[in-house]
PDB file of N, CA and C in Angstrom:
ATOM      1  N   MET A   1     -15.365  -3.437 136.176  1.00  0.00           N
ATOM      2  CA  MET A   1     -16.170  -4.635 136.100  1.00  0.00           C
ATOM      3  C   MET A   1     -15.805  -5.603 137.239  1.00  0.00           C
ATOM      4  N   LEU A   2     -14.501  -5.829 137.424  1.00  0.00           N
ATOM      5  CA  LEU A   2     -14.071  -6.759 138.472  1.00  0.00           C
ATOM      6  C   LEU A   2     -14.476  -6.278 139.859  1.00  0.00           C
ATOM      7  N   ARG A   3     -14.355  -4.967 140.095  1.00  0.00           N
ATOM      8  CA  ARG A   3     -14.755  -4.435 141.406  1.00  0.00           C
ATOM      9  C   ARG A   3     -16.250  -4.627 141.643  1.00  0.00           C
ATOM     10  N   LYS A   4     -17.035  -4.476 140.597  1.00  0.00           N
ATOM     11  CA  LYS A   4     -18.484  -4.632 140.726  1.00  0.00           C
ATOM     12  C   LYS A   4     -18.880  -6.058 141.076  1.00  0.00           C
ATOM     13  N   VAL A   5     -18.086  -7.037 140.661  1.00  0.00           N
ATOM     14  CA  VAL A   5     -18.419  -8.421 140.989  1.00  0.00           C
ATOM     15  C   VAL A   5     -17.777  -8.875 142.295  1.00  0.00           C
ATOM     16  N   GLY A   6     -17.151  -7.935 143.017  1.00  0.00           N
ATOM     17  CA  GLY A   6     -16.662  -8.264 144.343  1.00  0.00           C
ATOM     18  C   GLY A   6     -15.164  -8.415 144.513  1.00  0.00           C
ATOM     19  N   ALA A   7     -14.382  -8.189 143.463  1.00  0.00           N
ATOM     20  CA  ALA A   7     -12.922  -8.279 143.609  1.00  0.00           C
ATOM     21  C   ALA A   7     -12.438  -7.139 144.498  1.00  0.00           C
ATOM     22  N   ASP A   8     -11.660  -7.469 145.523  1.00  0.00           N
ATOM     23  CA  ASP A   8     -11.169  -6.415 146.410  1.00  0.00           C
ATOM     24  C   ASP A   8      -9.791  -5.908 145.992  1.00  0.00           C
ATOM     25  N   LYS A   9      -9.142  -6.579 145.060  1.00  0.00           N
ATOM     26  CA  LYS A   9      -7.847  -6.115 144.548  1.00  0.00           C
ATOM     27  C   LYS A   9      -7.789  -6.394 143.057  1.00  0.00           C
ATOM     28  N   VAL A  10      -7.584  -5.333 142.289  1.00  0.00           N
ATOM     29  CA  VAL A  10      -7.455  -5.459 140.841  1.00  0.00           C
ATOM     30  C   VAL A  10      -6.061  -4.991 140.476  1.00  0.00           C
ATOM     31  N   ILE A  11      -5.345  -5.812 139.726  1.00  0.00           N
ATOM     32  CA  ILE A  11      -3.983  -5.491 139.333  1.00  0.00           C
ATOM     33  C   ILE A  11      -3.981  -5.004 137.892  1.00  0.00           C
ATOM     34  N   TYR A  12      -3.305  -3.893 137.680  1.00  0.00           N
ATOM     35  CA  TYR A  12      -3.162  -3.309 136.353  1.00  0.00           C
ATOM     36  C   TYR A  12      -1.678  -3.314 135.994  1.00  0.00           C
ATOM     37  N   PRO A  13      -1.177  -4.402 135.409  1.00  0.00           N
ATOM     38  CA  PRO A  13       0.263  -4.510 135.167  1.00  0.00           C
ATOM     39  C   PRO A  13       0.825  -3.411 134.265  1.00  0.00           C
ATOM     40  N   GLU A  14       0.086  -3.011 133.242  1.00  0.00           N
ATOM     41  CA  GLU A  14       0.582  -1.977 132.336  1.00  0.00           C
ATOM     42  C   GLU A  14       0.704  -0.645 133.076  1.00  0.00           C
ATOM     43  N   ARG A  15      -0.311  -0.298 133.858  1.00  0.00           N
ATOM     44  CA  ARG A  15      -0.289   0.955 134.607  1.00  0.00           C
ATOM     45  C   ARG A  15       0.830   0.933 135.650  1.00  0.00           C
ATOM     46  N   ASP A  16       0.938  -0.161 136.382  1.00  0.00           N
ATOM     47  CA  ASP A  16       1.946  -0.263 137.429  1.00  0.00           C
ATOM     48  C   ASP A  16       3.353  -0.181 136.860  1.00  0.00           C
ATOM     49  N   MET A  17       3.609  -0.878 135.767  1.00  0.00           N
ATOM     50  CA  MET A  17       4.931  -0.817 135.150  1.00  0.00           C
ATOM     51  C   MET A  17       5.174   0.564 134.561  1.00  0.00           C
ATOM     52  N   GLY A  18       4.149   1.173 134.011  1.00  0.00           N
ATOM     53  CA  GLY A  18       4.271   2.536 133.487  1.00  0.00           C
ATOM     54  C   GLY A  18       4.677   3.516 134.567  1.00  0.00           C
ATOM     55  N   MET A  19       4.088   3.376 135.751  1.00  0.00           N
ATOM     56  CA  MET A  19       4.436   4.243 136.885  1.00  0.00           C
ATOM     57  C   MET A  19       5.887   4.027 137.306  1.00  0.00           C
ATOM     58  N   ARG A  20       6.312   2.782 137.347  1.00  0.00           N
ATOM     59  CA  ARG A  20       7.692   2.481 137.737  1.00  0.00           C
ATOM     60  C   ARG A  20       8.682   3.093 136.755  1.00  0.00           C
ATOM     61  N   VAL A  21       8.398   2.918 135.472  1.00  0.00           N
ATOM     62  CA  VAL A  21       9.287   3.456 134.439  1.00  0.00           C
ATOM     63  C   VAL A  21       9.282   4.981 134.486  1.00  0.00           C
ATOM     64  N   ALA A  22       8.125   5.579 134.644  1.00  0.00           N
ATOM     65  CA  ALA A  22       8.028   7.043 134.703  1.00  0.00           C
ATOM     66  C   ALA A  22       8.850   7.606 135.855  1.00  0.00           C
ATOM     67  N   HIS A  23       8.756   6.997 137.026  1.00  0.00           N
ATOM     68  CA  HIS A  23       9.537   7.475 138.171  1.00  0.00           C
ATOM     69  C   HIS A  23      11.034   7.336 137.916  1.00  0.00           C
ATOM     70  N   HIS A  24      11.412   6.271 137.263  1.00  0.00           N
ATOM     71  CA  HIS A  24      12.830   6.061 136.958  1.00  0.00           C
ATOM     72  C   HIS A  24      13.328   7.093 135.943  1.00  0.00           C
ATOM     73  N   LEU A  25      12.498   7.428 134.964  1.00  0.00           N
ATOM     74  CA  LEU A  25      12.885   8.397 133.948  1.00  0.00           C
ATOM     75  C   LEU A  25      12.933   9.824 134.497  1.00  0.00           C
ATOM     76  N   ILE A  26      12.018  10.147 135.392  1.00  0.00           N
ATOM     77  CA  ILE A  26      11.949  11.498 135.955  1.00  0.00           C
ATOM     78  C   ILE A  26      13.134  11.783 136.862  1.00  0.00           C
ATOM     79  N   SER A  27      13.562  10.811 137.619  1.00  0.00           N
ATOM     80  CA  SER A  27      14.656  11.014 138.565  1.00  0.00           C
ATOM     81  C   SER A  27      15.734   9.965 138.360  1.00  0.00           C
ATOM     82  N   SER A  28      16.955  10.423 138.253  1.00  0.00           N
ATOM     83  CA  SER A  28      18.067   9.488 138.094  1.00  0.00           C
ATOM     84  C   SER A  28      18.355   8.733 139.386  1.00  0.00           C
ATOM     85  N   ASN A  29      17.860   9.244 140.521  1.00  0.00           N
ATOM     86  CA  ASN A  29      18.112   8.599 141.813  1.00  0.00           C
ATOM     87  C   ASN A  29      17.137   7.461 142.105  1.00  0.00           C
ATOM     88  N   ILE A  30      15.967   7.458 141.468  1.00  0.00           N
ATOM     89  CA  ILE A  30      14.965   6.423 141.735  1.00  0.00           C
ATOM     90  C   ILE A  30      15.318   5.164 140.941  1.00  0.00           C
ATOM     91  N   ILE A  31      15.567   4.079 141.680  1.00  0.00           N
ATOM     92  CA  ILE A  31      15.880   2.789 141.059  1.00  0.00           C
ATOM     93  C   ILE A  31      14.597   2.008 140.809  1.00  0.00           C
ATOM     94  N   ASP A  32      13.728   1.981 141.817  1.00  0.00           N
ATOM     95  CA  ASP A  32      12.470   1.248 141.695  1.00  0.00           C
ATOM     96  C   ASP A  32      11.405   1.954 142.512  1.00  0.00           C
ATOM     97  N   TYR A  33      10.161   1.731 142.158  1.00  0.00           N
ATOM     98  CA  TYR A  33       9.014   2.396 142.772  1.00  0.00           C
ATOM     99  C   TYR A  33       7.873   1.404 142.857  1.00  0.00           C
ATOM    100  N   ILE A  34       7.307   1.270 144.049  1.00  0.00           N
ATOM    101  CA  ILE A  34       6.159   0.384 144.227  1.00  0.00           C
ATOM    102  C   ILE A  34       5.075   1.164 144.968  1.00  0.00           C
ATOM    103  N   GLU A  35       3.933   1.305 144.336  1.00  0.00           N
ATOM    104  CA  GLU A  35       2.812   2.001 144.946  1.00  0.00           C
ATOM    105  C   GLU A  35       2.133   1.059 145.938  1.00  0.00           C
ATOM    106  N   LEU A  36       2.067   1.479 147.192  1.00  0.00           N
ATOM    107  CA  LEU A  36       1.419   0.661 148.220  1.00  0.00           C
ATOM    108  C   LEU A  36      -0.061   0.987 148.342  1.00  0.00           C
ATOM    109  N   SER A  37      -0.385   2.246 148.137  1.00  0.00           N
ATOM    110  CA  SER A  37      -1.770   2.711 148.136  1.00  0.00           C
ATOM    111  C   SER A  37      -1.791   4.000 147.334  1.00  0.00           C
ATOM    112  N   GLU A  38      -2.921   4.648 147.309  1.00  0.00           N
ATOM    113  CA  GLU A  38      -3.021   5.900 146.557  1.00  0.00           C
ATOM    114  C   GLU A  38      -2.067   6.963 147.105  1.00  0.00           C
ATOM    115  N   ASP A  39      -1.816   6.941 148.408  1.00  0.00           N
ATOM    116  CA  ASP A  39      -1.009   7.984 149.044  1.00  0.00           C
ATOM    117  C   ASP A  39       0.390   7.553 149.450  1.00  0.00           C
ATOM    118  N   TYR A  40       0.660   6.258 149.532  1.00  0.00           N
ATOM    119  CA  TYR A  40       1.946   5.770 150.050  1.00  0.00           C
ATOM    120  C   TYR A  40       2.662   4.873 149.042  1.00  0.00           C
ATOM    121  N   SER A  41       3.992   4.974 149.052  1.00  0.00           N
ATOM    122  CA  SER A  41       4.808   4.166 148.149  1.00  0.00           C
ATOM    123  C   SER A  41       6.084   3.732 148.833  1.00  0.00           C
ATOM    124  N   LEU A  42       6.739   2.778 148.199  1.00  0.00           N
ATOM    125  CA  LEU A  42       8.047   2.304 148.623  1.00  0.00           C
ATOM    126  C   LEU A  42       8.983   2.552 147.438  1.00  0.00           C
ATOM    127  N   VAL A  43      10.107   3.203 147.691  1.00  0.00           N
ATOM    128  CA  VAL A  43      11.045   3.497 146.606  1.00  0.00           C
ATOM    129  C   VAL A  43      12.441   3.033 146.977  1.00  0.00           C
ATOM    130  N   GLU A  44      13.205   2.705 145.950  1.00  0.00           N
ATOM    131  CA  GLU A  44      14.631   2.446 146.105  1.00  0.00           C
ATOM    132  C   GLU A  44      15.333   3.670 145.532  1.00  0.00           C
ATOM    133  N   ILE A  45      16.114   4.341 146.378  1.00  0.00           N
ATOM    134  CA  ILE A  45      16.795   5.568 145.985  1.00  0.00           C
ATOM    135  C   ILE A  45      18.296   5.351 146.011  1.00  0.00           C
ATOM    136  N   GLN A  46      18.959   5.678 144.910  1.00  0.00           N
ATOM    137  CA  GLN A  46      20.417   5.625 144.841  1.00  0.00           C
ATOM    138  C   GLN A  46      20.980   6.728 145.733  1.00  0.00           C
ATOM    139  N   ALA A  47      21.933   6.389 146.591  1.00  0.00           N
ATOM    140  CA  ALA A  47      22.547   7.390 147.474  1.00  0.00           C
ATOM    141  C   ALA A  47      23.210   8.464 146.625  1.00  0.00           C
ATOM    142  N   SER A  48      22.928   9.708 146.956  1.00  0.00           N
ATOM    143  CA  SER A  48      23.511  10.823 146.228  1.00  0.00           C
ATOM    144  C   SER A  48      24.725  11.353 146.990  1.00  0.00           C
ATOM    145  N   GLY A  49      25.460  12.242 146.365  1.00  0.00           N
ATOM    146  CA  GLY A  49      26.658  12.812 146.977  1.00  0.00           C
ATOM    147  C   GLY A  49      26.396  13.448 148.330  1.00  0.00           C
ATOM    148  N   ALA A  50      25.231  14.057 148.501  1.00  0.00           N
ATOM    149  CA  ALA A  50      24.894  14.706 149.769  1.00  0.00           C
ATOM    150  C   ALA A  50      24.645  13.707 150.900  1.00  0.00           C
ATOM    151  N   MET A  51      24.412  12.446 150.555  1.00  0.00           N
ATOM    152  CA  MET A  51      24.162  11.404 151.556  1.00  0.00           C
ATOM    153  C   MET A  51      25.431  10.649 151.927  1.00  0.00           C
ATOM    154  N   ILE A  52      26.332  10.517 150.967  1.00  0.00           N
ATOM    155  CA  ILE A  52      27.505   9.661 151.130  1.00  0.00           C
ATOM    156  C   ILE A  52      28.417  10.172 152.247  1.00  0.00           C
ATOM    157  N   GLY A  53      28.799   9.223 153.110  1.00  0.00           N
ATOM    158  CA  GLY A  53      29.667   9.546 154.236  1.00  0.00           C
ATOM    159  C   GLY A  53      28.929  10.012 155.474  1.00  0.00           C
ATOM    160  N   ARG A  54      27.628  10.144 155.373  1.00  0.00           N
ATOM    161  CA  ARG A  54      26.811  10.566 156.527  1.00  0.00           C
ATOM    162  C   ARG A  54      26.015   9.370 157.030  1.00  0.00           C
ATOM    163  N   ASN A  55      25.647   9.401 158.302  1.00  0.00           N
ATOM    164  CA  ASN A  55      24.830   8.311 158.827  1.00  0.00           C
ATOM    165  C   ASN A  55      23.355   8.726 158.834  1.00  0.00           C
ATOM    166  N   LEU A  56      22.477   7.772 159.129  1.00  0.00           N
ATOM    167  CA  LEU A  56      21.050   8.043 159.099  1.00  0.00           C
ATOM    168  C   LEU A  56      20.639   9.085 160.133  1.00  0.00           C
ATOM    169  N   ARG A  57      21.344   9.135 161.252  1.00  0.00           N
ATOM    170  CA  ARG A  57      21.041  10.145 162.269  1.00  0.00           C
ATOM    171  C   ARG A  57      21.299  11.547 161.709  1.00  0.00           C
ATOM    172  N   GLU A  58      22.411  11.715 161.029  1.00  0.00           N
ATOM    173  CA  GLU A  58      22.748  13.018 160.448  1.00  0.00           C
ATOM    174  C   GLU A  58      21.770  13.411 159.339  1.00  0.00           C
ATOM    175  N   LEU A  59      21.383  12.462 158.533  1.00  0.00           N
ATOM    176  CA  LEU A  59      20.436  12.749 157.452  1.00  0.00           C
ATOM    177  C   LEU A  59      19.053  13.081 157.992  1.00  0.00           C
ATOM    178  N   ASP A  60      18.674  12.452 159.110  1.00  0.00           N
ATOM    179  CA  ASP A  60      17.414  12.729 159.809  1.00  0.00           C
ATOM    180  C   ASP A  60      16.198  12.694 158.874  1.00  0.00           C
ATOM    181  N   ILE A  61      16.159  11.676 158.033  1.00  0.00           N
ATOM    182  CA  ILE A  61      15.122  11.561 157.008  1.00  0.00           C
ATOM    183  C   ILE A  61      13.721  11.460 157.609  1.00  0.00           C
ATOM    184  N   ARG A  62      13.577  10.740 158.701  1.00  0.00           N
ATOM    185  CA  ARG A  62      12.240  10.581 159.301  1.00  0.00           C
ATOM    186  C   ARG A  62      11.703  11.921 159.803  1.00  0.00           C
ATOM    187  N   ALA A  63      12.526  12.683 160.509  1.00  0.00           N
ATOM    188  CA  ALA A  63      12.059  13.962 161.062  1.00  0.00           C
ATOM    189  C   ALA A  63      11.866  15.020 159.976  1.00  0.00           C
ATOM    190  N   LYS A  64      12.773  15.069 159.002  1.00  0.00           N
ATOM    191  CA  LYS A  64      12.708  16.114 157.978  1.00  0.00           C
ATOM    192  C   LYS A  64      11.676  15.839 156.895  1.00  0.00           C
ATOM    193  N   PHE A  65      11.475  14.571 156.566  1.00  0.00           N
ATOM    194  CA  PHE A  65      10.622  14.239 155.433  1.00  0.00           C
ATOM    195  C   PHE A  65       9.441  13.339 155.775  1.00  0.00           C
ATOM    196  N   GLY A  66       9.404  12.773 156.983  1.00  0.00           N
ATOM    197  CA  GLY A  66       8.315  11.885 157.364  1.00  0.00           C
ATOM    198  C   GLY A  66       8.389  10.519 156.698  1.00  0.00           C
ATOM    199  N   CYS A  67       9.560  10.149 156.205  1.00  0.00           N
ATOM    200  CA  CYS A  67       9.761   8.871 155.525  1.00  0.00           C
ATOM    201  C   CYS A  67      10.637   7.962 156.382  1.00  0.00           C
ATOM    202  N   ASN A  68      10.478   6.669 156.215  1.00  0.00           N
ATOM    203  CA  ASN A  68      11.272   5.700 156.969  1.00  0.00           C
ATOM    204  C   ASN A  68      12.205   4.930 156.051  1.00  0.00           C
ATOM    205  N   VAL A  69      13.475   4.863 156.439  1.00  0.00           N
ATOM    206  CA  VAL A  69      14.446   4.048 155.711  1.00  0.00           C
ATOM    207  C   VAL A  69      14.282   2.627 156.227  1.00  0.00           C
ATOM    208  N   MET A  70      13.759   1.755 155.362  1.00  0.00           N
ATOM    209  CA  MET A  70      13.468   0.376 155.744  1.00  0.00           C
ATOM    210  C   MET A  70      14.666  -0.543 155.543  1.00  0.00           C
ATOM    211  N   GLY A  71      15.570  -0.141 154.660  1.00  0.00           N
ATOM    212  CA  GLY A  71      16.722  -0.976 154.381  1.00  0.00           C
ATOM    213  C   GLY A  71      17.778  -0.215 153.613  1.00  0.00           C
ATOM    214  N   ILE A  72      18.987  -0.765 153.635  1.00  0.00           N
ATOM    215  CA  ILE A  72      20.102  -0.213 152.861  1.00  0.00           C
ATOM    216  C   ILE A  72      20.758  -1.371 152.131  1.00  0.00           C
ATOM    217  N   LYS A  73      20.824  -1.259 150.804  1.00  0.00           N
ATOM    218  CA  LYS A  73      21.513  -2.259 149.989  1.00  0.00           C
ATOM    219  C   LYS A  73      22.929  -1.766 149.737  1.00  0.00           C
ATOM    220  N   THR A  74      23.892  -2.613 150.072  1.00  0.00           N
ATOM    221  CA  THR A  74      25.290  -2.342 149.785  1.00  0.00           C
ATOM    222  C   THR A  74      25.805  -3.511 148.965  1.00  0.00           C
ATOM    223  N   GLY A  75      25.970  -3.305 147.660  1.00  0.00           N
ATOM    224  CA  GLY A  75      26.357  -4.411 146.786  1.00  0.00           C
ATOM    225  C   GLY A  75      25.291  -5.485 146.812  1.00  0.00           C
ATOM    226  N   GLU A  76      25.698  -6.698 147.165  1.00  0.00           N
ATOM    227  CA  GLU A  76      24.769  -7.826 147.241  1.00  0.00           C
ATOM    228  C   GLU A  76      24.129  -7.961 148.630  1.00  0.00           C
ATOM    229  N   LYS A  77      24.619  -7.208 149.601  1.00  0.00           N
ATOM    230  CA  LYS A  77      24.091  -7.294 150.972  1.00  0.00           C
ATOM    231  C   LYS A  77      22.904  -6.363 151.160  1.00  0.00           C
ATOM    232  N   MET A  78      21.958  -6.823 151.987  1.00  0.00           N
ATOM    233  CA  MET A  78      20.791  -6.020 152.311  1.00  0.00           C
ATOM    234  C   MET A  78      20.664  -5.929 153.819  1.00  0.00           C
ATOM    235  N   ASN A  79      20.719  -4.716 154.354  1.00  0.00           N
ATOM    236  CA  ASN A  79      20.516  -4.462 155.777  1.00  0.00           C
ATOM    237  C   ASN A  79      19.060  -4.055 155.943  1.00  0.00           C
ATOM    238  N   ILE A  80      18.218  -4.968 156.434  1.00  0.00           N
ATOM    239  CA  ILE A  80      16.787  -4.687 156.533  1.00  0.00           C
ATOM    240  C   ILE A  80      16.387  -4.012 157.840  1.00  0.00           C
ATOM    241  N   ALA A  81      17.339  -3.771 158.696  1.00  0.00           N
ATOM    242  CA  ALA A  81      17.046  -3.065 159.939  1.00  0.00           C
ATOM    243  C   ALA A  81      18.180  -2.080 160.236  1.00  0.00           C
ATOM    244  N   PRO A  82      18.333  -1.050 159.386  1.00  0.00           N
ATOM    245  CA  PRO A  82      19.441  -0.118 159.603  1.00  0.00           C
ATOM    246  C   PRO A  82      19.243   0.673 160.893  1.00  0.00           C
ATOM    247  N   ASN A  83      20.353   0.965 161.567  1.00  0.00           N
ATOM    248  CA  ASN A  83      20.249   1.793 162.761  1.00  0.00           C
ATOM    249  C   ASN A  83      20.758   3.190 162.452  1.00  0.00           C
ATOM    250  N   ALA A  84      20.598   4.084 163.378  1.00  0.00           N
ATOM    251  CA  ALA A  84      20.911   5.499 163.169  1.00  0.00           C
ATOM    252  C   ALA A  84      22.379   5.749 162.861  1.00  0.00           C
ATOM    253  N   GLU A  85      23.252   4.844 163.274  1.00  0.00           N
ATOM    254  CA  GLU A  85      24.685   5.048 163.068  1.00  0.00           C
ATOM    255  C   GLU A  85      25.212   4.445 161.765  1.00  0.00           C
ATOM    256  N   ASP A  86      24.363   3.781 160.994  1.00  0.00           N
ATOM    257  CA  ASP A  86      24.793   3.196 159.717  1.00  0.00           C
ATOM    258  C   ASP A  86      25.153   4.307 158.736  1.00  0.00           C
ATOM    259  N   ILE A  87      26.347   4.218 158.198  1.00  0.00           N
ATOM    260  CA  ILE A  87      26.857   5.230 157.273  1.00  0.00           C
ATOM    261  C   ILE A  87      26.491   4.858 155.841  1.00  0.00           C
ATOM    262  N   ILE A  88      26.052   5.855 155.093  1.00  0.00           N
ATOM    263  CA  ILE A  88      25.697   5.665 153.696  1.00  0.00           C
ATOM    264  C   ILE A  88      26.979   5.746 152.871  1.00  0.00           C
ATOM    265  N   ARG A  89      27.176   4.758 152.026  1.00  0.00           N
ATOM    266  CA  ARG A  89      28.382   4.679 151.186  1.00  0.00           C
ATOM    267  C   ARG A  89      28.022   4.909 149.723  1.00  0.00           C
ATOM    268  N   ASP A  90      29.053   5.186 148.942  1.00  0.00           N
ATOM    269  CA  ASP A  90      28.875   5.354 147.505  1.00  0.00           C
ATOM    270  C   ASP A  90      28.241   4.083 146.924  1.00  0.00           C
ATOM    271  N   LYS A  91      27.290   4.238 146.070  1.00  0.00           N
ATOM    272  CA  LYS A  91      26.560   3.154 145.391  1.00  0.00           C
ATOM    273  C   LYS A  91      25.560   2.420 146.288  1.00  0.00           C
ATOM    274  N   ASP A  92      25.355   2.872 147.536  1.00  0.00           N
ATOM    275  CA  ASP A  92      24.309   2.288 148.374  1.00  0.00           C
ATOM    276  C   ASP A  92      22.948   2.648 147.797  1.00  0.00           C
ATOM    277  N   ILE A  93      21.986   1.798 148.077  1.00  0.00           N
ATOM    278  CA  ILE A  93      20.603   2.049 147.678  1.00  0.00           C
ATOM    279  C   ILE A  93      19.758   2.023 148.950  1.00  0.00           C
ATOM    280  N   LEU A  94      19.004   3.087 149.170  1.00  0.00           N
ATOM    281  CA  LEU A  94      18.133   3.183 150.334  1.00  0.00           C
ATOM    282  C   LEU A  94      16.724   2.746 149.947  1.00  0.00           C
ATOM    283  N   VAL A  95      16.140   1.881 150.746  1.00  0.00           N
ATOM    284  CA  VAL A  95      14.758   1.452 150.558  1.00  0.00           C
ATOM    285  C   VAL A  95      13.928   2.285 151.534  1.00  0.00           C
ATOM    286  N   VAL A  96      13.095   3.152 150.973  1.00  0.00           N
ATOM    287  CA  VAL A  96      12.381   4.149 151.781  1.00  0.00           C
ATOM    288  C   VAL A  96      10.883   4.028 151.544  1.00  0.00           C
ATOM    289  N   VAL A  97      10.108   4.127 152.621  1.00  0.00           N
ATOM    290  CA  VAL A  97       8.655   4.089 152.526  1.00  0.00           C
ATOM    291  C   VAL A  97       8.110   5.386 153.110  1.00  0.00           C
ATOM    292  N   GLY A  98       7.051   5.880 152.491  1.00  0.00           N
ATOM    293  CA  GLY A  98       6.451   7.108 153.000  1.00  0.00           C
ATOM    294  C   GLY A  98       5.316   7.588 152.124  1.00  0.00           C
ATOM    295  N   LYS A  99       4.786   8.724 152.515  1.00  0.00           N
ATOM    296  CA  LYS A  99       3.734   9.377 151.762  1.00  0.00           C
ATOM    297  C   LYS A  99       4.338   9.889 150.455  1.00  0.00           C
ATOM    298  N   ASN A 100       3.606   9.786 149.374  1.00  0.00           N
ATOM    299  CA  ASN A 100       4.127  10.171 148.062  1.00  0.00           C
ATOM    300  C   ASN A 100       4.663  11.605 148.039  1.00  0.00           C
ATOM    301  N   THR A 101       3.952  12.529 148.670  1.00  0.00           N
ATOM    302  CA  THR A 101       4.418  13.924 148.692  1.00  0.00           C
ATOM    303  C   THR A 101       5.733  14.050 149.462  1.00  0.00           C
ATOM    304  N   ASP A 102       5.873  13.305 150.548  1.00  0.00           N
ATOM    305  CA  ASP A 102       7.104  13.334 151.337  1.00  0.00           C
ATOM    306  C   ASP A 102       8.260  12.700 150.569  1.00  0.00           C
ATOM    307  N   LEU A 103       7.982  11.622 149.860  1.00  0.00           N
ATOM    308  CA  LEU A 103       9.013  10.967 149.052  1.00  0.00           C
ATOM    309  C   LEU A 103       9.510  11.895 147.944  1.00  0.00           C
ATOM    310  N   ARG A 104       8.594  12.668 147.346  1.00  0.00           N
ATOM    311  CA  ARG A 104       9.018  13.624 146.322  1.00  0.00           C
ATOM    312  C   ARG A 104       9.919  14.694 146.910  1.00  0.00           C
ATOM    313  N   SER A 105       9.601  15.173 148.113  1.00  0.00           N
ATOM    314  CA  SER A 105      10.451  16.170 148.776  1.00  0.00           C
ATOM    315  C   SER A 105      11.820  15.614 149.060  1.00  0.00           C
ATOM    316  N   LEU A 106      11.871  14.397 149.555  1.00  0.00           N
ATOM    317  CA  LEU A 106      13.157  13.729 149.824  1.00  0.00           C
ATOM    318  C   LEU A 106      13.957  13.601 148.532  1.00  0.00           C
ATOM    319  N   GLU A 107      13.299  13.172 147.492  1.00  0.00           N
ATOM    320  CA  GLU A 107      13.960  12.982 146.198  1.00  0.00           C
ATOM    321  C   GLU A 107      14.518  14.309 145.665  1.00  0.00           C
ATOM    322  N   LYS A 108      13.741  15.378 145.748  1.00  0.00           N
ATOM    323  CA  LYS A 108      14.197  16.694 145.251  1.00  0.00           C
ATOM    324  C   LYS A 108      15.367  17.217 146.066  1.00  0.00           C
ATOM    325  N   THR A 109      15.329  17.018 147.363  1.00  0.00           N
ATOM    326  CA  THR A 109      16.387  17.521 148.236  1.00  0.00           C
ATOM    327  C   THR A 109      17.722  16.845 147.932  1.00  0.00           C
ATOM    328  N   PHE A 110      17.696  15.551 147.678  1.00  0.00           N
ATOM    329  CA  PHE A 110      18.938  14.807 147.468  1.00  0.00           C
ATOM    330  C   PHE A 110      19.237  14.501 146.004  1.00  0.00           C
ATOM    331  N   ALA A 111      18.447  15.074 145.083  1.00  0.00           N
ATOM    332  CA  ALA A 111      18.691  14.823 143.650  1.00  0.00           C
ATOM    333  C   ALA A 111      20.014  15.425 143.224  1.00  0.00           C
ATOM    334  N   GLU A 112      20.647  14.762 142.274  1.00  0.00           N
ATOM    335  CA  GLU A 112      21.929  15.272 141.747  1.00  0.00           C
ATOM    336  C   GLU A 112      21.730  15.904 140.398  1.00  0.00           C
TER     337      GLU A 112
END
């Protein structure tokens, strides 16, 4: 109805929260999930054992999965412009944006 009267953005809070909760329940590594469009999302991923102690260059997430690491949360600090030499530490959270299919591949590869 809203789209028919000209609304260009309709928010569905129940659906959006349902998607966030579902992603969190399906994967223990997913902290938060925000759908940007039908095909792209932004996720917060808990660093897994396979990531810890390695830097972004070694993980090569962009080349292997087509996703971009937009930030790294370490405790209360947020690095919004991580460089290739930034090392992932235990309890770090990676903020990653990408195509939903690519994000699922990344999640499966590093799932614990």
